[in-house]
N, C-alpha and C. Protein backbone atom coordinates (compact mmCIF):
# COMPACT_ATOMS: atom_id res chain seq x y z
N PHE A 1 -1.23 -13.30 3.02
CA PHE A 1 0.15 -12.89 2.88
C PHE A 1 0.25 -11.75 1.90
N CYS A 2 1.37 -11.11 1.94
CA CYS A 2 1.62 -9.99 1.04
C CYS A 2 3.09 -10.01 0.65
N ARG A 3 3.35 -9.73 -0.61
CA ARG A 3 4.72 -9.64 -1.11
C ARG A 3 4.83 -8.31 -1.85
N TYR A 4 5.91 -7.58 -1.57
CA TYR A 4 6.10 -6.29 -2.22
C TYR A 4 7.57 -6.06 -2.50
N THR A 5 7.85 -5.10 -3.37
CA THR A 5 9.23 -4.80 -3.74
C THR A 5 9.47 -3.29 -3.73
N TYR A 6 10.69 -2.94 -3.40
CA TYR A 6 11.07 -1.53 -3.27
C TYR A 6 11.62 -0.93 -4.57
N ASP A 7 11.59 -1.69 -5.65
CA ASP A 7 12.18 -1.16 -6.87
C ASP A 7 11.14 -1.06 -7.98
N ASN A 8 11.61 -0.73 -9.16
CA ASN A 8 10.74 -0.56 -10.31
C ASN A 8 11.10 -1.60 -11.36
N ARG A 9 10.22 -2.57 -11.54
CA ARG A 9 10.43 -3.58 -12.58
C ARG A 9 9.84 -3.11 -13.90
N TYR A 10 9.34 -1.89 -13.96
CA TYR A 10 8.66 -1.37 -15.15
C TYR A 10 9.34 -0.10 -15.65
N LEU A 11 10.66 -0.01 -15.49
CA LEU A 11 11.38 1.21 -15.82
C LEU A 11 11.05 1.76 -17.20
N GLU A 12 11.06 0.92 -18.21
CA GLU A 12 10.83 1.42 -19.55
C GLU A 12 9.36 1.69 -19.82
N GLU A 13 8.47 0.88 -19.25
CA GLU A 13 7.04 1.04 -19.50
C GLU A 13 6.43 2.18 -18.69
N ILE A 14 6.78 2.23 -17.40
CA ILE A 14 6.17 3.20 -16.50
C ILE A 14 7.28 3.76 -15.61
N GLU A 15 7.97 4.76 -16.08
CA GLU A 15 9.14 5.29 -15.39
C GLU A 15 8.86 5.82 -14.00
N SER A 16 7.65 6.32 -13.77
CA SER A 16 7.35 6.97 -12.49
C SER A 16 7.15 5.98 -11.34
N VAL A 17 6.95 4.70 -11.63
CA VAL A 17 6.72 3.70 -10.59
C VAL A 17 8.04 3.36 -9.92
N ASP A 18 8.07 3.42 -8.58
CA ASP A 18 9.29 3.06 -7.87
C ASP A 18 9.07 2.00 -6.78
N CYS A 19 7.87 1.39 -6.74
CA CYS A 19 7.60 0.31 -5.79
C CYS A 19 6.33 -0.42 -6.23
N GLU A 20 6.16 -1.64 -5.70
CA GLU A 20 5.05 -2.46 -6.18
C GLU A 20 4.57 -3.42 -5.09
N ILE A 21 3.26 -3.60 -5.03
CA ILE A 21 2.69 -4.74 -4.31
C ILE A 21 2.59 -5.84 -5.36
N CYS A 22 3.33 -6.92 -5.16
CA CYS A 22 3.36 -8.03 -6.13
C CYS A 22 2.23 -9.02 -5.89
N ALA A 23 1.83 -9.17 -4.63
CA ALA A 23 0.77 -10.12 -4.29
C ALA A 23 0.17 -9.73 -2.95
N LEU A 24 -1.14 -9.84 -2.85
CA LEU A 24 -1.87 -9.59 -1.61
C LEU A 24 -3.03 -10.56 -1.58
N TYR A 25 -2.93 -11.59 -0.74
CA TYR A 25 -3.94 -12.65 -0.71
C TYR A 25 -4.41 -12.91 0.71
N LEU A 26 -5.70 -13.14 0.83
CA LEU A 26 -6.31 -13.56 2.09
C LEU A 26 -7.15 -14.81 1.83
N LYS A 27 -7.25 -15.66 2.83
CA LYS A 27 -8.17 -16.78 2.73
C LYS A 27 -9.58 -16.20 2.63
N PRO A 28 -10.45 -16.85 1.85
CA PRO A 28 -11.82 -16.32 1.70
C PRO A 28 -12.52 -16.05 3.03
N GLU A 29 -12.33 -16.92 4.00
CA GLU A 29 -13.00 -16.74 5.29
C GLU A 29 -12.42 -15.58 6.11
N GLU A 30 -11.28 -15.04 5.69
CA GLU A 30 -10.65 -13.92 6.41
C GLU A 30 -10.94 -12.57 5.75
N LYS A 31 -11.62 -12.60 4.61
CA LYS A 31 -11.93 -11.34 3.92
C LYS A 31 -13.03 -10.58 4.65
N ARG A 32 -13.04 -9.27 4.41
CA ARG A 32 -14.04 -8.36 4.98
C ARG A 32 -13.92 -8.22 6.50
N LYS A 33 -12.70 -8.41 7.01
CA LYS A 33 -12.43 -8.24 8.44
C LYS A 33 -11.43 -7.11 8.68
N GLY A 34 -11.03 -6.41 7.63
CA GLY A 34 -10.08 -5.31 7.76
C GLY A 34 -8.62 -5.74 7.66
N ILE A 35 -8.36 -7.03 7.48
CA ILE A 35 -6.98 -7.52 7.41
C ILE A 35 -6.28 -7.01 6.15
N GLY A 36 -6.97 -7.08 5.01
CA GLY A 36 -6.39 -6.60 3.76
C GLY A 36 -6.04 -5.13 3.84
N LYS A 37 -6.91 -4.35 4.43
CA LYS A 37 -6.65 -2.91 4.57
C LYS A 37 -5.44 -2.67 5.47
N GLN A 38 -5.31 -3.44 6.54
CA GLN A 38 -4.17 -3.27 7.44
C GLN A 38 -2.86 -3.65 6.75
N LEU A 39 -2.87 -4.74 5.97
CA LEU A 39 -1.68 -5.11 5.20
C LEU A 39 -1.33 -4.01 4.21
N PHE A 40 -2.32 -3.53 3.50
CA PHE A 40 -2.12 -2.47 2.52
C PHE A 40 -1.55 -1.22 3.19
N LYS A 41 -2.14 -0.85 4.31
CA LYS A 41 -1.68 0.34 5.05
C LYS A 41 -0.24 0.17 5.52
N TYR A 42 0.11 -1.01 6.00
CA TYR A 42 1.49 -1.26 6.44
C TYR A 42 2.47 -1.02 5.30
N ILE A 43 2.15 -1.55 4.12
CA ILE A 43 3.04 -1.40 2.97
C ILE A 43 3.14 0.05 2.53
N VAL A 44 2.01 0.74 2.46
CA VAL A 44 2.03 2.15 2.07
C VAL A 44 2.85 2.95 3.07
N ASN A 45 2.69 2.68 4.36
CA ASN A 45 3.48 3.39 5.37
C ASN A 45 4.98 3.11 5.19
N GLU A 46 5.32 1.86 4.90
CA GLU A 46 6.71 1.49 4.66
C GLU A 46 7.27 2.25 3.46
N PHE A 47 6.53 2.26 2.37
CA PHE A 47 6.98 2.97 1.17
C PHE A 47 7.08 4.47 1.42
N ASN A 48 6.13 5.03 2.15
CA ASN A 48 6.18 6.46 2.46
C ASN A 48 7.42 6.79 3.28
N ASN A 49 7.70 5.97 4.29
CA ASN A 49 8.88 6.20 5.14
C ASN A 49 10.18 6.11 4.35
N LEU A 50 10.19 5.37 3.26
CA LEU A 50 11.38 5.23 2.42
C LEU A 50 11.44 6.29 1.31
N GLY A 51 10.44 7.17 1.27
CA GLY A 51 10.43 8.24 0.28
C GLY A 51 9.98 7.79 -1.11
N LYS A 52 9.31 6.65 -1.20
CA LYS A 52 8.81 6.19 -2.49
C LYS A 52 7.68 7.11 -2.95
N LYS A 53 7.51 7.21 -4.25
CA LYS A 53 6.55 8.17 -4.81
C LYS A 53 5.32 7.53 -5.43
N GLN A 54 5.52 6.46 -6.22
CA GLN A 54 4.38 5.88 -6.93
C GLN A 54 4.46 4.36 -6.93
N MET A 55 3.35 3.74 -6.56
CA MET A 55 3.25 2.29 -6.44
C MET A 55 2.31 1.75 -7.51
N ILE A 56 2.56 0.50 -7.91
CA ILE A 56 1.69 -0.19 -8.87
C ILE A 56 1.27 -1.53 -8.28
N ILE A 57 0.09 -1.98 -8.67
CA ILE A 57 -0.37 -3.32 -8.35
C ILE A 57 -1.11 -3.84 -9.57
N TRP A 58 -0.93 -5.13 -9.87
CA TRP A 58 -1.60 -5.79 -10.98
C TRP A 58 -2.62 -6.77 -10.44
N CYS A 59 -3.71 -6.93 -11.17
CA CYS A 59 -4.81 -7.80 -10.74
C CYS A 59 -5.46 -8.41 -11.99
N LEU A 60 -5.91 -9.66 -11.87
CA LEU A 60 -6.64 -10.24 -12.99
C LEU A 60 -7.87 -9.39 -13.29
N LYS A 61 -8.10 -9.11 -14.54
CA LYS A 61 -9.18 -8.20 -14.93
C LYS A 61 -10.54 -8.69 -14.43
N GLU A 62 -10.76 -9.98 -14.42
CA GLU A 62 -12.05 -10.55 -14.01
C GLU A 62 -12.20 -10.70 -12.50
N ASN A 63 -11.19 -10.32 -11.74
CA ASN A 63 -11.24 -10.43 -10.28
C ASN A 63 -11.87 -9.13 -9.71
N PHE A 64 -13.16 -9.03 -9.87
CA PHE A 64 -13.86 -7.80 -9.52
C PHE A 64 -13.83 -7.47 -8.03
N PRO A 65 -13.91 -8.46 -7.11
CA PRO A 65 -13.81 -8.10 -5.69
C PRO A 65 -12.46 -7.45 -5.35
N SER A 66 -11.37 -7.99 -5.89
CA SER A 66 -10.05 -7.39 -5.62
C SER A 66 -9.93 -6.02 -6.27
N ARG A 67 -10.44 -5.89 -7.47
CA ARG A 67 -10.39 -4.59 -8.14
C ARG A 67 -11.14 -3.54 -7.34
N LYS A 68 -12.29 -3.91 -6.81
CA LYS A 68 -13.07 -2.98 -5.98
C LYS A 68 -12.26 -2.56 -4.75
N PHE A 69 -11.56 -3.52 -4.13
CA PHE A 69 -10.71 -3.22 -2.97
C PHE A 69 -9.59 -2.25 -3.37
N TYR A 70 -8.89 -2.54 -4.46
CA TYR A 70 -7.77 -1.68 -4.87
C TYR A 70 -8.24 -0.27 -5.21
N GLU A 71 -9.42 -0.16 -5.78
CA GLU A 71 -9.99 1.16 -6.06
C GLU A 71 -10.37 1.88 -4.76
N ALA A 72 -10.92 1.13 -3.80
CA ALA A 72 -11.28 1.72 -2.50
C ALA A 72 -10.04 2.20 -1.75
N MET A 73 -8.89 1.58 -2.02
CA MET A 73 -7.64 1.98 -1.39
C MET A 73 -6.98 3.14 -2.13
N GLY A 74 -7.67 3.70 -3.11
CA GLY A 74 -7.16 4.89 -3.80
C GLY A 74 -6.48 4.64 -5.12
N GLY A 75 -6.50 3.39 -5.60
CA GLY A 75 -5.84 3.07 -6.86
C GLY A 75 -6.57 3.67 -8.05
N LYS A 76 -5.78 4.12 -9.01
CA LYS A 76 -6.33 4.67 -10.24
C LYS A 76 -5.97 3.71 -11.38
N TYR A 77 -7.02 3.24 -12.09
CA TYR A 77 -6.81 2.33 -13.21
C TYR A 77 -5.78 2.92 -14.16
N TYR A 78 -4.83 2.07 -14.61
CA TYR A 78 -3.79 2.58 -15.50
C TYR A 78 -3.71 1.85 -16.84
N SER A 79 -3.53 0.52 -16.82
CA SER A 79 -3.31 -0.17 -18.09
C SER A 79 -3.71 -1.64 -17.99
N GLU A 80 -3.56 -2.34 -19.11
CA GLU A 80 -3.86 -3.77 -19.18
C GLU A 80 -2.73 -4.49 -19.90
N LYS A 81 -2.57 -5.78 -19.58
CA LYS A 81 -1.61 -6.62 -20.29
C LYS A 81 -2.07 -8.07 -20.16
N TYR A 82 -1.53 -8.92 -21.00
CA TYR A 82 -1.81 -10.35 -20.91
C TYR A 82 -0.66 -11.06 -20.20
N ILE A 83 -1.02 -12.07 -19.40
CA ILE A 83 -0.03 -12.95 -18.78
C ILE A 83 -0.43 -14.39 -19.12
N GLU A 84 0.54 -15.28 -19.06
CA GLU A 84 0.27 -16.69 -19.26
C GLU A 84 0.46 -17.44 -17.96
N ILE A 85 -0.53 -18.25 -17.63
CA ILE A 85 -0.46 -19.13 -16.47
C ILE A 85 -0.78 -20.52 -17.01
N GLY A 86 0.22 -21.39 -17.00
CA GLY A 86 0.03 -22.68 -17.65
C GLY A 86 -0.12 -22.48 -19.13
N ASP A 87 -1.17 -23.04 -19.69
CA ASP A 87 -1.43 -22.91 -21.12
C ASP A 87 -2.47 -21.85 -21.44
N LYS A 88 -2.87 -21.08 -20.44
CA LYS A 88 -3.93 -20.09 -20.65
C LYS A 88 -3.39 -18.67 -20.55
N LYS A 89 -4.03 -17.78 -21.31
CA LYS A 89 -3.71 -16.35 -21.23
C LYS A 89 -4.81 -15.66 -20.44
N TYR A 90 -4.39 -14.74 -19.60
CA TYR A 90 -5.32 -13.96 -18.79
C TYR A 90 -4.96 -12.49 -18.94
N LYS A 91 -5.99 -11.65 -18.84
CA LYS A 91 -5.76 -10.21 -18.89
C LYS A 91 -5.63 -9.68 -17.47
N GLU A 92 -4.61 -8.87 -17.25
CA GLU A 92 -4.41 -8.18 -15.98
C GLU A 92 -4.62 -6.69 -16.18
N VAL A 93 -5.04 -6.03 -15.12
CA VAL A 93 -5.14 -4.58 -15.11
C VAL A 93 -4.20 -4.05 -14.03
N SER A 94 -3.73 -2.84 -14.22
CA SER A 94 -2.86 -2.23 -13.22
C SER A 94 -3.54 -1.02 -12.60
N TYR A 95 -3.17 -0.79 -11.35
CA TYR A 95 -3.62 0.39 -10.62
C TYR A 95 -2.37 1.11 -10.11
N LEU A 96 -2.37 2.42 -10.26
CA LEU A 96 -1.28 3.25 -9.75
C LEU A 96 -1.75 4.00 -8.51
N TYR A 97 -0.80 4.22 -7.62
CA TYR A 97 -1.07 4.93 -6.37
C TYR A 97 0.00 5.99 -6.15
N ASP A 98 -0.44 7.19 -5.84
CA ASP A 98 0.46 8.23 -5.35
C ASP A 98 0.65 7.93 -3.87
N ILE A 99 1.87 7.57 -3.49
CA ILE A 99 2.12 7.11 -2.12
C ILE A 99 1.70 8.15 -1.08
N LYS A 100 2.07 9.39 -1.26
CA LYS A 100 1.74 10.43 -0.28
C LYS A 100 0.22 10.59 -0.14
N GLU A 101 -0.47 10.57 -1.26
CA GLU A 101 -1.93 10.72 -1.25
C GLU A 101 -2.60 9.55 -0.52
N VAL A 102 -2.19 8.34 -0.82
CA VAL A 102 -2.78 7.15 -0.19
C VAL A 102 -2.39 7.08 1.29
N TYR A 103 -1.15 7.45 1.59
CA TYR A 103 -0.70 7.49 2.99
C TYR A 103 -1.60 8.42 3.80
N ASN A 104 -1.85 9.61 3.27
CA ASN A 104 -2.71 10.58 3.98
C ASN A 104 -4.13 10.05 4.13
N MET A 105 -4.66 9.39 3.11
CA MET A 105 -6.02 8.85 3.16
C MET A 105 -6.12 7.75 4.23
N LEU A 106 -5.13 6.87 4.29
CA LEU A 106 -5.19 5.73 5.21
C LEU A 106 -4.84 6.09 6.65
N ASN A 107 -4.21 7.23 6.85
CA ASN A 107 -3.75 7.61 8.19
C ASN A 107 -4.49 8.84 8.73
N LYS A 108 -5.73 9.01 8.33
CA LYS A 108 -6.54 10.13 8.85
C LYS A 108 -6.87 9.92 10.31
């Protein structure tokens, strides 16, 4: 599944961001079949059609397979922050995407 938003929840921190992928998950047995790329492409196409300029996605810092995917999709490492899940703190990293640039890359 994938969840995304058309607005900027980071107005004060990152003014240039105007859309976000909030979650992108696949069952382990469905990975490496191109499904994640197709979901990602669908969202980028949607944002491009709406005239969005810059997208952000956050990922747990230790989730190296997902980070590799986000980088392969054209994401540029941007920043880090801590989040709390239950009683534990985890570090997240963010990737920024120029929508037009990623749109062109995915639609060659």
